[in-house]
C-alpha atoms as a PDB file:
ATOM      1  CA  MET A   1     105.330 107.525  39.048  1.00  0.00           C
ATOM      2  CA  THR A   2     107.380 107.146  42.187  1.00  0.00           C
ATOM      3  CA  GLU A   3     104.788 108.928  44.303  1.00  0.00           C
ATOM      4  CA  VAL A   4     102.531 106.145  43.096  1.00  0.00           C
ATOM      5  CA  VAL A   5     104.730 103.722  44.016  1.00  0.00           C
ATOM      6  CA  LEU A   6     105.599 105.148  47.500  1.00  0.00           C
ATOM      7  CA  LEU A   7     101.787 105.274  48.283  1.00  0.00           C
ATOM      8  CA  GLN A   8     101.468 101.961  47.617  1.00  0.00           C
ATOM      9  CA  GLY A   9     104.318 100.875  49.687  1.00  0.00           C
ATOM     10  CA  LEU A  10     103.002 102.741  52.747  1.00  0.00           C
ATOM     11  CA  LEU A  11      99.498 101.619  51.965  1.00  0.00           C
ATOM     12  CA  LEU A  12     100.960  97.921  52.147  1.00  0.00           C
ATOM     13  CA  LEU A  13     103.337  99.109  55.854  1.00  0.00           C
ATOM     14  CA  LEU A  14     100.016 100.047  57.182  1.00  0.00           C
ATOM     15  CA  PRO A  15      98.441  96.604  57.700  1.00  0.00           C
ATOM     16  CA  LEU A  16     101.858  94.913  58.498  1.00  0.00           C
ATOM     17  CA  ALA A  17     102.196  97.862  61.026  1.00  0.00           C
ATOM     18  CA  LEU A  18      98.836  96.637  62.544  1.00  0.00           C
ATOM     19  CA  LEU A  19      99.181  93.167  62.765  1.00  0.00           C
ATOM     20  CA  LEU A  20     102.898  93.709  64.209  1.00  0.00           C
ATOM     21  CA  TYR A  21     101.341  95.757  67.108  1.00  0.00           C
ATOM     22  CA  CYS A  22      98.684  93.364  67.784  1.00  0.00           C
ATOM     23  CA  TYR A  23     100.405  90.470  68.120  1.00  0.00           C
ATOM     24  CA  SER A  24     103.887  91.397  69.861  1.00  0.00           C
ATOM     25  CA  ALA A  25     104.147  92.565  72.955  1.00  0.00           C
ATOM     26  CA  SER A  26     107.172  93.902  72.247  1.00  0.00           C
ATOM     27  CA  ILE A  27     105.874  96.390  69.522  1.00  0.00           C
ATOM     28  CA  GLN A  28     103.463  97.488  71.672  1.00  0.00           C
ATOM     29  CA  TYR A  29     105.864  98.095  74.864  1.00  0.00           C
ATOM     30  CA  PHE A  30     107.768 100.254  72.668  1.00  0.00           C
ATOM     31  CA  CYS A  31     104.816 102.335  70.654  1.00  0.00           C
ATOM     32  CA  LYS A  32     103.157 102.857  74.185  1.00  0.00           C
ATOM     33  CA  VAL A  33     106.543 104.113  75.910  1.00  0.00           C
ATOM     34  CA  ALA A  34     107.097 106.557  72.957  1.00  0.00           C
ATOM     35  CA  PHE A  35     103.502 107.646  73.086  1.00  0.00           C
ATOM     36  CA  PHE A  36     103.842 108.464  76.738  1.00  0.00           C
ATOM     37  CA  ASN A  37     107.191 110.117  76.566  1.00  0.00           C
ATOM     38  CA  CYS A  38     105.564 112.262  73.415  1.00  0.00           C
ATOM     39  CA  TRP A  39     102.360 113.326  75.515  1.00  0.00           C
ATOM     40  CA  ILE A  40     104.837 115.109  77.972  1.00  0.00           C
ATOM     41  CA  VAL A  41     106.774 116.877  75.546  1.00  0.00           C
ATOM     42  CA  THR A  42     103.936 117.728  73.483  1.00  0.00           C
ATOM     43  CA  LEU A  43     101.959 119.066  76.743  1.00  0.00           C
ATOM     44  CA  ALA A  44     105.040 120.604  77.959  1.00  0.00           C
ATOM     45  CA  THR A  45     105.765 122.555  74.814  1.00  0.00           C
ATOM     46  CA  LEU A  46     102.251 123.739  74.463  1.00  0.00           C
ATOM     47  CA  LEU A  47     101.534 124.877  78.080  1.00  0.00           C
ATOM     48  CA  SER A  48     104.629 126.259  78.598  1.00  0.00           C
ATOM     49  CA  PRO A  49     104.315 129.452  77.300  1.00  0.00           C
ATOM     50  CA  LEU A  50     100.928 129.591  79.090  1.00  0.00           C
ATOM     51  CA  ALA A  51     103.116 128.979  82.479  1.00  0.00           C
ATOM     52  CA  ALA A  52     105.676 131.234  81.562  1.00  0.00           C
ATOM     53  CA  LEU A  53     102.853 134.151  81.688  1.00  0.00           C
ATOM     54  CA  ARG A  54     102.731 133.583  85.671  1.00  0.00           C
ATOM     55  CA  GLY A  55     106.423 133.244  86.132  1.00  0.00           C
ATOM     56  CA  ARG A  56     107.883 130.568  88.173  1.00  0.00           C
ATOM     57  CA  SER A  57     105.052 129.621  90.171  1.00  0.00           C
ATOM     58  CA  VAL A  58     103.642 126.488  92.131  1.00  0.00           C
ATOM     59  CA  GLU A  59     100.165 127.501  90.572  1.00  0.00           C
ATOM     60  CA  ASN A  60     101.601 126.161  87.081  1.00  0.00           C
ATOM     61  CA  MET A  61     101.425 122.398  88.972  1.00  0.00           C
ATOM     62  CA  LYS A  62      97.643 122.931  88.405  1.00  0.00           C
ATOM     63  CA  LEU A  63      98.599 122.648  84.757  1.00  0.00           C
ATOM     64  CA  LEU A  64     101.102 119.214  84.798  1.00  0.00           C
ATOM     65  CA  ARG A  65      98.629 117.598  86.968  1.00  0.00           C
ATOM     66  CA  ALA A  66      96.141 118.358  84.333  1.00  0.00           C
ATOM     67  CA  ALA A  67      97.831 116.939  81.237  1.00  0.00           C
ATOM     68  CA  LEU A  68      99.075 113.964  82.742  1.00  0.00           C
ATOM     69  CA  LEU A  69      95.574 113.142  84.691  1.00  0.00           C
ATOM     70  CA  PRO A  70      94.195 111.907  80.980  1.00  0.00           C
ATOM     71  CA  LEU A  71      97.169 109.217  80.730  1.00  0.00           C
ATOM     72  CA  LYS A  72      95.353 106.849  82.930  1.00  0.00           C
ATOM     73  CA  HIS A  73      92.842 106.105  80.878  1.00  0.00           C
ATOM     74  CA  ILE A  74      94.093 106.141  77.089  1.00  0.00           C
ATOM     75  CA  TYR A  75      96.176 103.553  78.839  1.00  0.00           C
ATOM     76  CA  GLY A  76      93.509 101.770  80.726  1.00  0.00           C
ATOM     77  CA  ILE A  77      95.414 101.737  84.141  1.00  0.00           C
ATOM     78  CA  LYS A  78      92.615 101.788  86.785  1.00  0.00           C
ATOM     79  CA  MET A  79      94.195 103.656  90.155  1.00  0.00           C
ATOM     80  CA  GLN A  80      92.924 102.387  93.655  1.00  0.00           C
ATOM     81  CA  VAL A  81      93.887 105.059  96.378  1.00  0.00           C
ATOM     82  CA  ARG A  82      93.623 104.241 100.027  1.00  0.00           C
ATOM     83  CA  GLY A  83      93.698 106.048 102.362  1.00  0.00           C
ATOM     84  CA  SER A  84      93.374 109.298 100.564  1.00  0.00           C
ATOM     85  CA  GLU A  85      90.779 110.924 103.331  1.00  0.00           C
ATOM     86  CA  GLN A  86      93.915 111.509 105.405  1.00  0.00           C
ATOM     87  CA  LEU A  87      95.125 114.407 102.942  1.00  0.00           C
ATOM     88  CA  ASP A  88      92.372 116.459 103.363  1.00  0.00           C
ATOM     89  CA  ILE A  89      94.014 118.400 106.155  1.00  0.00           C
ATOM     90  CA  LYS A  90      94.424 122.370 105.385  1.00  0.00           C
ATOM     91  CA  GLU A  91      97.788 122.463 106.980  1.00  0.00           C
ATOM     92  CA  PRO A  92     100.906 122.058 104.996  1.00  0.00           C
ATOM     93  CA  TYR A  93     102.681 118.588 105.303  1.00  0.00           C
ATOM     94  CA  VAL A  94     105.436 116.640 103.057  1.00  0.00           C
ATOM     95  CA  ILE A  95     104.460 113.002 101.118  1.00  0.00           C
ATOM     96  CA  VAL A  96     107.170 110.678 100.365  1.00  0.00           C
ATOM     97  CA  CYS A  97     106.639 108.441  97.448  1.00  0.00           C
ATOM     98  CA  ASN A  98     108.743 105.134  96.210  1.00  0.00           C
ATOM     99  CA  HIS A  99     110.005 105.514  93.027  1.00  0.00           C
ATOM    100  CA  GLN A 100     109.728 102.775  90.482  1.00  0.00           C
ATOM    101  CA  ALA A 101     109.722 103.887  86.909  1.00  0.00           C
ATOM    102  CA  SER A 102     107.872 106.842  85.036  1.00  0.00           C
ATOM    103  CA  LEU A 103     104.866 105.827  85.732  1.00  0.00           C
ATOM    104  CA  ASP A 104     105.003 106.666  89.256  1.00  0.00           C
ATOM    105  CA  LEU A 105     104.165 110.456  87.503  1.00  0.00           C
ATOM    106  CA  LEU A 106     100.250 108.644  86.758  1.00  0.00           C
ATOM    107  CA  GLY A 107     100.144 107.864  90.933  1.00  0.00           C
ATOM    108  CA  MET A 108     101.338 110.891  91.878  1.00  0.00           C
ATOM    109  CA  VAL A 109      99.160 113.420  90.358  1.00  0.00           C
ATOM    110  CA  GLU A 110      96.404 111.049  91.067  1.00  0.00           C
ATOM    111  CA  VAL A 111      97.400 111.791  94.717  1.00  0.00           C
ATOM    112  CA  ILE A 112      99.049 114.986  95.369  1.00  0.00           C
ATOM    113  CA  PRO A 113      97.318 118.243  95.676  1.00  0.00           C
ATOM    114  CA  GLU A 114      97.097 120.776  92.920  1.00  0.00           C
ATOM    115  CA  ARG A 115      99.211 123.074  94.801  1.00  0.00           C
ATOM    116  CA  CYS A 116     102.636 121.590  96.100  1.00  0.00           C
ATOM    117  CA  VAL A 117     106.657 121.465  95.246  1.00  0.00           C
ATOM    118  CA  PRO A 118     107.950 118.250  94.377  1.00  0.00           C
ATOM    119  CA  ILE A 119     112.088 117.710  94.523  1.00  0.00           C
ATOM    120  CA  ALA A 120     112.986 116.164  91.945  1.00  0.00           C
ATOM    121  CA  LYS A 121     116.601 114.878  90.131  1.00  0.00           C
ATOM    122  CA  LYS A 122     118.358 117.952  88.480  1.00  0.00           C
ATOM    123  CA  GLU A 123     118.898 116.040  84.697  1.00  0.00           C
ATOM    124  CA  LEU A 124     114.891 116.765  84.179  1.00  0.00           C
ATOM    125  CA  LEU A 125     116.020 120.633  84.261  1.00  0.00           C
ATOM    126  CA  TYR A 126     117.892 119.752  80.951  1.00  0.00           C
ATOM    127  CA  LEU A 127     114.896 117.988  79.065  1.00  0.00           C
ATOM    128  CA  GLY A 128     114.198 120.947  76.994  1.00  0.00           C
ATOM    129  CA  THR A 129     110.764 122.299  77.239  1.00  0.00           C
ATOM    130  CA  VAL A 130     110.156 119.554  79.800  1.00  0.00           C
ATOM    131  CA  GLY A 131     112.797 120.688  82.167  1.00  0.00           C
ATOM    132  CA  TRP A 132     110.896 124.177  81.292  1.00  0.00           C
ATOM    133  CA  ALA A 133     107.412 123.434  82.268  1.00  0.00           C
ATOM    134  CA  CYS A 134     109.176 121.951  85.690  1.00  0.00           C
ATOM    135  CA  TRP A 135     111.391 124.787  86.363  1.00  0.00           C
ATOM    136  CA  LEU A 136     108.078 127.240  85.915  1.00  0.00           C
ATOM    137  CA  SER A 137     106.168 124.970  88.091  1.00  0.00           C
ATOM    138  CA  GLY A 138     108.380 125.344  90.908  1.00  0.00           C
ATOM    139  CA  ILE A 139     109.669 122.147  91.297  1.00  0.00           C
ATOM    140  CA  ILE A 140     113.272 121.922  93.700  1.00  0.00           C
ATOM    141  CA  PHE A 141     115.960 120.143  91.613  1.00  0.00           C
ATOM    142  CA  ILE A 142     118.851 118.327  93.363  1.00  0.00           C
ATOM    143  CA  ASP A 143     121.983 116.851  91.676  1.00  0.00           C
ATOM    144  CA  ARG A 144     122.591 113.427  92.657  1.00  0.00           C
ATOM    145  CA  ARG A 145     125.922 113.517  91.305  1.00  0.00           C
ATOM    146  CA  ARG A 146     126.832 116.358  93.497  1.00  0.00           C
ATOM    147  CA  LYS A 147     125.985 114.822  97.315  1.00  0.00           C
ATOM    148  CA  ALA A 148     126.761 117.274  99.425  1.00  0.00           C
ATOM    149  CA  ASP A 149     124.233 119.803  97.542  1.00  0.00           C
ATOM    150  CA  ALA A 150     121.648 116.947  97.326  1.00  0.00           C
ATOM    151  CA  ILE A 151     122.027 116.503 101.082  1.00  0.00           C
ATOM    152  CA  GLU A 152     121.868 120.490 101.945  1.00  0.00           C
ATOM    153  CA  VAL A 153     118.537 120.598 100.057  1.00  0.00           C
ATOM    154  CA  ILE A 154     116.969 118.034 101.631  1.00  0.00           C
ATOM    155  CA  SER A 155     118.530 118.639 105.382  1.00  0.00           C
ATOM    156  CA  ARG A 156     117.386 122.423 104.270  1.00  0.00           C
ATOM    157  CA  THR A 157     113.763 120.968 103.782  1.00  0.00           C
ATOM    158  CA  ALA A 158     114.034 118.619 107.016  1.00  0.00           C
ATOM    159  CA  ARG A 159     115.092 121.184 109.430  1.00  0.00           C
ATOM    160  CA  THR A 160     112.261 123.331 108.267  1.00  0.00           C
ATOM    161  CA  MET A 161     109.764 120.453 108.243  1.00  0.00           C
ATOM    162  CA  LEU A 162     111.022 120.179 111.934  1.00  0.00           C
ATOM    163  CA  ARG A 163     110.908 123.965 112.909  1.00  0.00           C
ATOM    164  CA  ASP A 164     106.943 123.853 111.561  1.00  0.00           C
ATOM    165  CA  ASN A 165     106.190 120.638 113.159  1.00  0.00           C
ATOM    166  CA  VAL A 166     104.923 119.505 109.331  1.00  0.00           C
ATOM    167  CA  PRO A 167     103.402 115.941 109.352  1.00  0.00           C
ATOM    168  CA  ILE A 168     104.828 113.568 106.932  1.00  0.00           C
ATOM    169  CA  PHE A 169     102.553 111.083 105.048  1.00  0.00           C
ATOM    170  CA  PRO A 170     104.454 108.130 103.734  1.00  0.00           C
ATOM    171  CA  MET A 171     102.618 107.152  99.968  1.00  0.00           C
ATOM    172  CA  VAL A 172     103.225 103.857  98.442  1.00  0.00           C
ATOM    173  CA  ILE A 173     102.853 102.691  94.802  1.00  0.00           C
ATOM    174  CA  SER A 174     102.301  99.369  94.109  1.00  0.00           C
ATOM    175  CA  PRO A 175     105.095  97.583  91.796  1.00  0.00           C
ATOM    176  CA  TYR A 176     103.802  97.183  88.300  1.00  0.00           C
ATOM    177  CA  TRP A 177     104.141  93.594  87.283  1.00  0.00           C
ATOM    178  CA  GLU A 178     100.931  93.112  86.140  1.00  0.00           C
ATOM    179  CA  PHE A 179     100.338  95.679  83.263  1.00  0.00           C
ATOM    180  CA  PHE A 180     104.359  97.229  83.024  1.00  0.00           C
ATOM    181  CA  SER A 181     107.660  95.491  82.972  1.00  0.00           C
ATOM    182  CA  SER A 182     110.494  97.684  80.881  1.00  0.00           C
ATOM    183  CA  LYS A 183     112.770  94.166  81.127  1.00  0.00           C
ATOM    184  CA  GLU A 184     109.951  91.402  79.771  1.00  0.00           C
ATOM    185  CA  LYS A 185     109.179  94.611  76.806  1.00  0.00           C
ATOM    186  CA  ARG A 186     105.596  94.396  78.407  1.00  0.00           C
ATOM    187  CA  PHE A 187     103.238  97.343  78.706  1.00  0.00           C
ATOM    188  CA  THR A 188      99.320  96.347  78.741  1.00  0.00           C
ATOM    189  CA  SER A 189      96.095  97.671  80.931  1.00  0.00           C
ATOM    190  CA  GLY A 190      96.029  97.048  84.712  1.00  0.00           C
ATOM    191  CA  THR A 191      95.193  97.990  88.259  1.00  0.00           C
ATOM    192  CA  CYS A 192      97.859 100.433  90.258  1.00  0.00           C
ATOM    193  CA  SER A 193      97.303 100.056  93.906  1.00  0.00           C
ATOM    194  CA  ILE A 194      98.458 103.438  95.761  1.00  0.00           C
ATOM    195  CA  GLN A 195      98.254 103.432 100.165  1.00  0.00           C
ATOM    196  CA  ILE A 196      98.956 106.731 101.999  1.00  0.00           C
ATOM    197  CA  LEU A 197     100.197 105.624 105.530  1.00  0.00           C
ATOM    198  CA  PRO A 198      98.774 107.027 108.635  1.00  0.00           C
ATOM    199  CA  ARG A 199     100.727 110.401 109.461  1.00  0.00           C
ATOM    200  CA  VAL A 200     103.975 111.013 111.129  1.00  0.00           C
ATOM    201  CA  GLU A 201     104.712 113.776 113.493  1.00  0.00           C
ATOM    202  CA  THR A 202     107.558 115.719 113.806  1.00  0.00           C
ATOM    203  CA  GLN A 203     106.522 117.759 116.598  1.00  0.00           C
ATOM    204  CA  GLY A 204     108.987 117.563 119.461  1.00  0.00           C
ATOM    205  CA  LEU A 205     112.030 116.331 117.333  1.00  0.00           C
ATOM    206  CA  THR A 206     115.101 117.950 116.322  1.00  0.00           C
ATOM    207  CA  PRO A 207     117.857 117.716 113.262  1.00  0.00           C
ATOM    208  CA  ALA A 208     119.516 114.777 115.468  1.00  0.00           C
ATOM    209  CA  ASP A 209     116.560 112.720 115.057  1.00  0.00           C
ATOM    210  CA  VAL A 210     116.208 113.432 111.342  1.00  0.00           C
ATOM    211  CA  PRO A 211     118.022 109.440 111.054  1.00  0.00           C
ATOM    212  CA  GLN A 212     115.991 108.072 113.353  1.00  0.00           C
ATOM    213  CA  LEU A 213     112.840 109.419 111.239  1.00  0.00           C
ATOM    214  CA  THR A 214     113.611 108.638 108.095  1.00  0.00           C
ATOM    215  CA  GLU A 215     114.707 105.199 108.892  1.00  0.00           C
ATOM    216  CA  ALA A 216     110.894 105.046 110.545  1.00  0.00           C
ATOM    217  CA  VAL A 217     109.584 105.965 107.341  1.00  0.00           C
ATOM    218  CA  ARG A 218     111.870 104.041 104.509  1.00  0.00           C
ATOM    219  CA  GLN A 219     110.496 100.880 107.302  1.00  0.00           C
ATOM    220  CA  ALA A 220     107.333 101.627 107.646  1.00  0.00           C
ATOM    221  CA  MET A 221     107.117 102.011 103.739  1.00  0.00           C
ATOM    222  CA  ALA A 222     109.147  98.835 102.762  1.00  0.00           C
ATOM    223  CA  ASP A 223     106.764  97.003 105.078  1.00  0.00           C
ATOM    224  CA  VAL A 224     103.860  98.024 102.827  1.00  0.00           C
ATOM    225  CA  LEU A 225     105.930  97.397  99.701  1.00  0.00           C
ATOM    226  CA  ALA A 226     106.562  93.949 100.705  1.00  0.00           C
ATOM    227  CA  GLN A 227     103.144  93.112 101.937  1.00  0.00           C
ATOM    228  CA  MET A 228     101.937  94.638  97.807  1.00  0.00           C
ATOM    229  CA  SER A 229     104.653  92.802  96.605  1.00  0.00           C
ATOM    230  CA  ALA A 230     103.429  89.631  97.682  1.00  0.00           C
ATOM    231  CA  GLY A 231      99.835  90.358  96.648  1.00  0.00           C
ATOM    232  CA  HIS A 232     100.844  90.902  93.140  1.00  0.00           C
ATOM    233  CA  GLN A 233     103.135  87.656  93.180  1.00  0.00           C
ATOM    234  CA  HIS A 234     100.414  86.090  94.570  1.00  0.00           C
ATOM    235  CA  SER A 235      97.811  86.965  91.569  1.00  0.00           C
ATOM    236  CA  ALA A 236     100.029  86.679  88.672  1.00  0.00           C
ATOM    237  CA  ALA A 237     101.679  83.276  90.047  1.00  0.00           C
ATOM    238  CA  ALA A 238      99.139  81.487  86.838  1.00  0.00           C
ATOM    239  CA  GLY A 239     102.007  82.531  84.670  1.00  0.00           C
ATOM    240  CA  THR A 240     102.470  86.299  84.229  1.00  0.00           C
ATOM    241  CA  ALA A 241     105.864  86.743  84.094  1.00  0.00           C
ATOM    242  CA  ARG A 242     107.132  89.458  86.255  1.00  0.00           C
ATOM    243  CA  GLY A 243     109.538  92.451  86.764  1.00  0.00           C
ATOM    244  CA  THR A 244     111.612  93.620  89.685  1.00  0.00           C
ATOM    245  CA  GLY A 245     111.109  96.272  92.284  1.00  0.00           C
ATOM    246  CA  SER A 246     112.732  97.645  95.070  1.00  0.00           C
ATOM    247  CA  LEU A 247     112.091  97.933  98.509  1.00  0.00           C
ATOM    248  CA  GLN A 248     114.334 100.461  99.080  1.00  0.00           C
ATOM    249  CA  CYS A 249     113.173 103.086  96.890  1.00  0.00           C
ATOM    250  CA  GLN A 250     111.675 106.196  98.078  1.00  0.00           C
ATOM    251  CA  GLU A 251     112.443 109.071  96.122  1.00  0.00           C
ATOM    252  CA  GLY A 252     109.934 111.700  94.897  1.00  0.00           C
ATOM    253  CA  THR A 253     108.989 113.848  97.935  1.00  0.00           C
ATOM    254  CA  THR A 254     106.496 116.703  97.613  1.00  0.00           C
ATOM    255  CA  ARG A 255     105.462 119.194  99.861  1.00  0.00           C
ATOM    256  CA  THR A 256     102.079 121.403  99.509  1.00  0.00           C
ATOM    257  CA  SER A 257     102.186 124.709  99.875  1.00  0.00           C
ATOM    258  CA  ASN A 258      98.916 126.500 101.586  1.00  0.00           C
END
């Protein structure tokens, strides 16, 4: 008898839950964010044993990339990439990308090559199977709370880049105001623009030139992001509420490995 009552209660709650999802933007937001996180954890759990057979290798990035690509279709997010032909080169290069939210993953896997080594915050390493999958994929972790160690990792990367004359490709992902706002609890479908800026040469530079190089890349990205933000604000002026975007964010450096 108790089981029957419970079943009837669940059957009554199901239409209510569907109604709430259809008519409440906040419910949709929490459900979609939860699904996003569950998808990543589930795929990481399933793919980690397969990646472990190869060991820690950049080749495992192909698995992570394949696991993330379907999410854009599930959420109805259209990716518009400009300048991707510039990345069609055989030599190694560095991509510097701005950081806004977890959705950046969708933009990054849309552009970055299969064999790449991202630099990520060390906190990811402790997220169970997700951290294991990241480690197996060769991701370089930096502890942002220990500034000296983080700066040393980035400095070593910069020295190697200058020594080998590795070019830099700044990549800018547009603000998500059109379809995503954590502040307003809004997550719908929409379009994400990604722009690959012209390559920045490092040939002939020395470690002493790194601060000036960093500022030049940051400013170029900030200018493009400002233009994108202005465009999104104009298109959303009819009444769509907007979140916030930073012109200073530029985390998420990735480097290809040939």
